Amino acid sequence: MTTSWTDDNYVRRFWGCLDYGIRRGCTFFEWYDPRVCKRLKIVIPRLLK
C-alpha cells in the first residue's frame, strides 16, 4: 500500500503492484479509502510546509 501525493488525489491510499507506474506489464491498482474532503486537501499541504 502506498499514498498518493498528487494534487488530484492528495493523501489517498491505494494498493498497486510493486511495478505499477514503472513498467507497462502490471496494471493492478485499487483505491483503499474514500476521498479526503475538500477542506483537508487545503489544510494538509499547509501543515506539511
N, C-alpha and C. Protein backbone atom coordinates (compact mmCIF):
# COMPACT_ATOMS: atom_id res chain seq x y z
N MET A 1 0.85 -1.17 0.00
CA MET A 1 0.00 0.00 0.00
C MET A 1 0.89 1.23 0.00
N THR A 2 0.43 2.22 -0.72
CA THR A 2 1.17 3.48 -0.78
C THR A 2 0.19 4.65 -0.75
N THR A 3 0.68 5.84 -0.66
CA THR A 3 -0.16 7.03 -0.58
C THR A 3 0.11 7.92 -1.77
N SER A 4 -0.96 8.42 -2.36
CA SER A 4 -0.85 9.34 -3.48
C SER A 4 -0.61 10.75 -2.94
N TRP A 5 0.31 11.47 -3.56
CA TRP A 5 0.60 12.85 -3.17
C TRP A 5 0.35 13.81 -4.33
N THR A 6 -0.41 13.38 -5.34
CA THR A 6 -0.72 14.28 -6.45
C THR A 6 -1.78 15.28 -6.03
N ASP A 7 -1.89 16.38 -6.75
CA ASP A 7 -2.89 17.40 -6.41
C ASP A 7 -4.31 16.87 -6.50
N ASP A 8 -4.59 16.01 -7.47
CA ASP A 8 -5.95 15.49 -7.65
C ASP A 8 -6.34 14.44 -6.62
N ASN A 9 -5.39 13.69 -6.11
CA ASN A 9 -5.69 12.58 -5.19
C ASN A 9 -4.85 12.66 -3.93
N TYR A 10 -4.74 13.83 -3.40
CA TYR A 10 -3.85 14.08 -2.28
C TYR A 10 -4.20 13.23 -1.06
N VAL A 11 -3.26 12.51 -0.55
CA VAL A 11 -3.34 11.70 0.67
C VAL A 11 -4.35 10.55 0.54
N ARG A 12 -4.59 10.07 -0.66
CA ARG A 12 -5.41 8.88 -0.83
C ARG A 12 -4.49 7.67 -0.87
N ARG A 13 -4.88 6.62 -0.16
CA ARG A 13 -4.07 5.41 -0.15
C ARG A 13 -4.58 4.44 -1.20
N PHE A 14 -3.67 3.64 -1.74
CA PHE A 14 -4.08 2.67 -2.75
C PHE A 14 -3.18 1.45 -2.73
N TRP A 15 -3.75 0.36 -3.24
CA TRP A 15 -2.99 -0.87 -3.46
C TRP A 15 -2.55 -0.86 -4.91
N GLY A 16 -1.34 -1.30 -5.15
CA GLY A 16 -0.84 -1.41 -6.52
C GLY A 16 0.32 -2.37 -6.57
N CYS A 17 0.54 -2.94 -7.73
CA CYS A 17 1.68 -3.82 -7.95
C CYS A 17 2.97 -3.04 -7.68
N LEU A 18 4.01 -3.72 -7.23
CA LEU A 18 5.28 -3.05 -6.99
C LEU A 18 5.81 -2.37 -8.25
N ASP A 19 5.45 -2.89 -9.41
CA ASP A 19 5.89 -2.31 -10.68
C ASP A 19 4.90 -1.29 -11.24
N TYR A 20 3.83 -0.99 -10.52
CA TYR A 20 2.82 -0.05 -11.02
C TYR A 20 3.46 1.31 -11.26
N GLY A 21 3.25 1.83 -12.45
CA GLY A 21 3.80 3.13 -12.80
C GLY A 21 5.23 3.10 -13.28
N ILE A 22 5.87 1.94 -13.20
CA ILE A 22 7.26 1.81 -13.63
C ILE A 22 7.35 1.00 -14.92
N ARG A 23 6.68 -0.12 -14.92
CA ARG A 23 6.70 -0.99 -16.09
C ARG A 23 5.31 -1.07 -16.69
N ARG A 24 5.24 -1.31 -17.95
CA ARG A 24 3.95 -1.38 -18.63
C ARG A 24 3.22 -2.69 -18.36
N GLY A 25 3.91 -3.71 -17.91
CA GLY A 25 3.31 -5.02 -17.76
C GLY A 25 2.27 -5.14 -16.66
N CYS A 26 2.38 -4.36 -15.61
CA CYS A 26 1.46 -4.50 -14.48
C CYS A 26 0.53 -3.31 -14.40
N THR A 27 -0.76 -3.59 -14.30
CA THR A 27 -1.73 -2.51 -14.22
C THR A 27 -2.63 -2.62 -12.99
N PHE A 28 -2.27 -3.50 -12.03
CA PHE A 28 -3.12 -3.64 -10.84
C PHE A 28 -3.12 -2.35 -10.03
N PHE A 29 -4.31 -1.87 -9.73
CA PHE A 29 -4.47 -0.63 -8.97
C PHE A 29 -5.85 -0.62 -8.34
N GLU A 30 -5.94 -0.28 -7.05
CA GLU A 30 -7.24 -0.18 -6.39
C GLU A 30 -7.14 0.82 -5.24
N TRP A 31 -8.07 1.79 -5.21
CA TRP A 31 -8.09 2.73 -4.10
C TRP A 31 -8.43 2.00 -2.82
N TYR A 32 -7.83 2.40 -1.71
CA TYR A 32 -8.04 1.75 -0.42
C TYR A 32 -9.09 2.47 0.42
N ASP A 33 -9.18 3.77 0.32
CA ASP A 33 -10.08 4.52 1.18
C ASP A 33 -10.83 5.58 0.40
N PRO A 34 -11.87 6.15 1.01
CA PRO A 34 -12.62 7.20 0.32
C PRO A 34 -11.79 8.47 0.17
N ARG A 35 -12.22 9.31 -0.72
CA ARG A 35 -11.50 10.57 -0.95
C ARG A 35 -11.52 11.45 0.29
N VAL A 36 -10.49 12.23 0.42
CA VAL A 36 -10.38 13.18 1.53
C VAL A 36 -11.26 14.38 1.20
N CYS A 37 -11.92 14.93 2.20
CA CYS A 37 -12.80 16.08 1.96
C CYS A 37 -11.99 17.27 1.42
N LYS A 38 -12.67 18.17 0.77
CA LYS A 38 -12.01 19.32 0.13
C LYS A 38 -11.23 20.16 1.14
N ARG A 39 -11.76 20.31 2.33
CA ARG A 39 -11.08 21.13 3.34
C ARG A 39 -9.73 20.52 3.71
N LEU A 40 -9.67 19.21 3.89
CA LEU A 40 -8.40 18.56 4.23
C LEU A 40 -7.38 18.68 3.11
N LYS A 41 -7.87 18.70 1.87
CA LYS A 41 -6.95 18.87 0.74
C LYS A 41 -6.26 20.23 0.79
N ILE A 42 -6.88 21.19 1.44
CA ILE A 42 -6.30 22.52 1.59
C ILE A 42 -5.43 22.59 2.85
N VAL A 43 -5.93 22.03 3.94
CA VAL A 43 -5.24 22.12 5.23
C VAL A 43 -3.96 21.29 5.28
N ILE A 44 -4.01 20.05 4.83
CA ILE A 44 -2.85 19.14 4.96
C ILE A 44 -1.61 19.68 4.26
N PRO A 45 -1.68 20.14 3.01
CA PRO A 45 -0.47 20.67 2.38
C PRO A 45 0.13 21.85 3.15
N ARG A 46 -0.72 22.68 3.72
CA ARG A 46 -0.22 23.82 4.51
C ARG A 46 0.49 23.34 5.77
N LEU A 47 0.00 22.29 6.38
CA LEU A 47 0.63 21.75 7.58
C LEU A 47 1.99 21.12 7.27
N LEU A 48 2.13 20.59 6.08
CA LEU A 48 3.37 19.92 5.70
C LEU A 48 4.47 20.90 5.31
N LYS A 49 4.13 22.16 5.11
CA LYS A 49 5.14 23.17 4.72
C LYS A 49 5.98 23.58 5.90
